Amino acid sequence: VQLVESGGGLGQPGESLRLSCAASGRTFSSNAMGWVRQAPGKEREFVATISWNGGSTSYADSGKGRFTISRDNAKNTVYLQMNSLKPEDTAVYYCAAAVFRTITDRSSHYNFWGQGTQVTVSS
């Protein structure tokens, strides 16, 4: 599976950004997907995950109520809608495909990763 993220950029606090992750290669719809971010000088942090059919989702506390993960299996694409952005959301955001069909917040369960897209939140 090849994963290509897009949609990152500069946003002001309180604004919204929508990240997309286009998948190609082996069957996309069989895998749970996730978003992970890494801020400068920090370790990678789980953001959100969605099951193979979109029926289940899970979020890190930092994004609950603000972020929404979704997927369109017909388009082989997973999305991360980020609302009410905060400066602490500044990071490189990575899309990842899991080994399993069910949601997971463990990095070790993801075996395919995109190259990342930068999100910067600043006034």
Protein backbone atom coordinates (compact mmCIF):
# COMPACT_ATOMS: atom_id res chain seq x y z
CA VAL A 1 0.00 0.00 0.00
CA GLN A 2 1.29 3.44 -0.93
CA LEU A 3 -0.11 6.32 1.08
CA VAL A 4 0.06 9.98 0.08
CA GLU A 5 -1.14 12.69 2.44
CA SER A 6 -2.30 16.14 1.41
CA GLY A 7 -4.16 19.10 2.82
CA GLY A 8 -1.66 20.31 5.37
CA GLY A 9 -0.58 23.90 5.62
CA LEU A 10 -0.82 26.96 7.78
CA GLY A 11 -3.91 27.65 9.83
CA GLN A 12 -4.78 30.15 12.51
CA PRO A 13 -6.04 29.12 15.93
CA GLY A 14 -9.72 28.29 15.73
CA GLU A 15 -9.67 27.54 12.04
CA SER A 16 -10.15 24.20 10.31
CA LEU A 17 -8.05 22.01 8.05
CA ARG A 18 -8.92 18.79 6.28
CA LEU A 19 -6.21 16.24 5.63
CA SER A 20 -6.58 13.57 2.98
CA CYS A 21 -4.69 10.33 2.51
CA ALA A 22 -4.91 8.60 -0.86
CA ALA A 23 -4.04 4.92 -0.90
CA SER A 24 -2.94 2.79 -3.80
CA GLY A 25 -1.68 -0.73 -4.16
CA ARG A 26 -3.21 -3.65 -2.35
CA THR A 27 -6.77 -3.60 -1.12
CA PHE A 28 -7.33 -0.48 0.95
CA SER A 29 -10.77 -1.33 2.22
CA SER A 30 -9.56 -4.36 4.20
CA ASN A 31 -7.41 -2.36 6.61
CA ALA A 32 -8.06 -0.09 9.53
CA MET A 33 -6.44 3.30 9.01
CA GLY A 34 -4.97 5.82 11.36
CA TRP A 35 -3.48 9.26 11.70
CA VAL A 36 -0.40 9.85 13.81
CA ARG A 37 1.43 13.13 14.32
CA GLN A 38 4.90 14.17 15.39
CA ALA A 39 5.75 17.60 16.70
CA PRO A 40 9.32 18.91 16.68
CA GLY A 41 11.36 17.30 19.42
CA LYS A 42 8.54 14.98 20.44
CA GLU A 43 7.67 11.35 19.84
CA ARG A 44 4.97 10.28 17.43
CA GLU A 45 1.51 10.61 18.91
CA PHE A 46 -1.62 8.70 17.97
CA VAL A 47 -4.37 11.00 16.70
CA ALA A 48 -7.25 8.91 15.37
CA THR A 49 -8.12 5.53 13.91
CA ILE A 50 -10.98 4.13 11.86
CA SER A 51 -11.98 0.53 11.18
CA TRP A 52 -11.99 -1.05 7.74
CA ASN A 53 -15.62 -0.17 7.04
CA GLY A 54 -15.75 3.11 8.95
CA GLY A 55 -18.02 1.61 11.59
CA SER A 56 -15.69 2.29 14.49
CA THR A 57 -13.46 5.23 15.31
CA SER A 58 -11.26 6.24 18.19
CA TYR A 59 -9.46 9.45 19.06
CA ALA A 60 -6.70 10.63 21.30
CA ASP A 61 -7.91 12.90 24.07
CA SER A 62 -6.15 15.81 22.39
CA GLY A 63 -8.47 15.61 19.40
CA LYS A 64 -11.77 14.46 20.87
CA GLY A 65 -14.59 16.79 19.95
CA ARG A 66 -12.41 18.63 17.44
CA PHE A 67 -11.14 16.00 14.99
CA THR A 68 -13.14 13.61 12.84
CA ILE A 69 -11.67 10.70 10.94
CA SER A 70 -13.59 9.26 8.01
CA ARG A 71 -12.97 7.14 4.94
CA ASP A 72 -14.33 6.62 1.47
CA ASN A 73 -13.40 3.12 0.36
CA ALA A 74 -14.70 3.77 -3.14
CA LYS A 75 -12.07 6.51 -3.45
CA ASN A 76 -9.39 4.70 -1.44
CA THR A 77 -9.10 7.78 0.74
CA VAL A 78 -9.12 8.49 4.45
CA TYR A 79 -9.69 11.96 5.86
CA LEU A 80 -8.96 13.86 9.03
CA GLN A 81 -11.16 16.90 9.60
CA MET A 82 -9.54 19.15 12.17
CA ASN A 83 -11.62 21.93 13.67
CA SER A 84 -10.86 24.53 16.32
CA LEU A 85 -7.16 24.22 15.64
CA LYS A 86 -4.72 25.00 18.43
CA PRO A 87 -1.02 25.89 18.25
CA GLU A 88 -0.26 22.57 19.94
CA ASP A 89 -1.71 20.79 16.91
CA THR A 90 1.38 21.89 14.97
CA ALA A 91 3.09 18.72 13.77
CA VAL A 92 3.76 16.51 10.80
CA TYR A 93 0.70 14.33 10.31
CA TYR A 94 1.16 10.81 9.01
CA CYS A 95 -1.42 8.50 7.56
CA ALA A 96 -0.95 4.78 8.23
CA ALA A 97 -2.56 1.49 7.25
CA ALA A 98 -2.98 -1.12 9.96
CA VAL A 99 -2.37 -4.82 9.81
CA PHE A 100 -5.84 -5.42 11.23
CA ARG A 101 -9.38 -4.49 10.19
CA THR A 102 -10.27 -3.14 13.62
CA ILE A 103 -9.28 0.15 15.20
CA THR A 104 -5.95 0.37 16.98
CA ASP A 105 -3.91 3.13 18.57
CA ARG A 106 -0.64 1.18 18.65
CA SER A 107 2.01 2.24 16.15
CA SER A 108 3.29 -1.34 16.00
CA HIS A 109 -0.01 -2.37 14.41
CA TYR A 110 0.55 -0.09 11.40
CA ASN A 111 2.75 -1.47 8.66
CA PHE A 112 2.39 1.12 5.91
CA TRP A 113 3.05 4.83 6.37
CA GLY A 114 2.77 7.93 4.24
CA GLN A 115 5.46 10.57 3.96
CA GLY A 116 3.61 13.05 6.16
CA THR A 117 2.11 16.48 5.70
CA GLN A 118 3.02 19.52 7.77
CA VAL A 119 0.33 21.30 9.76
CA THR A 120 1.26 24.59 11.36
CA VAL A 121 -1.14 26.48 13.58
CA SER A 122 -0.08 30.00 14.31
CA SER A 123 -1.51 33.49 14.44
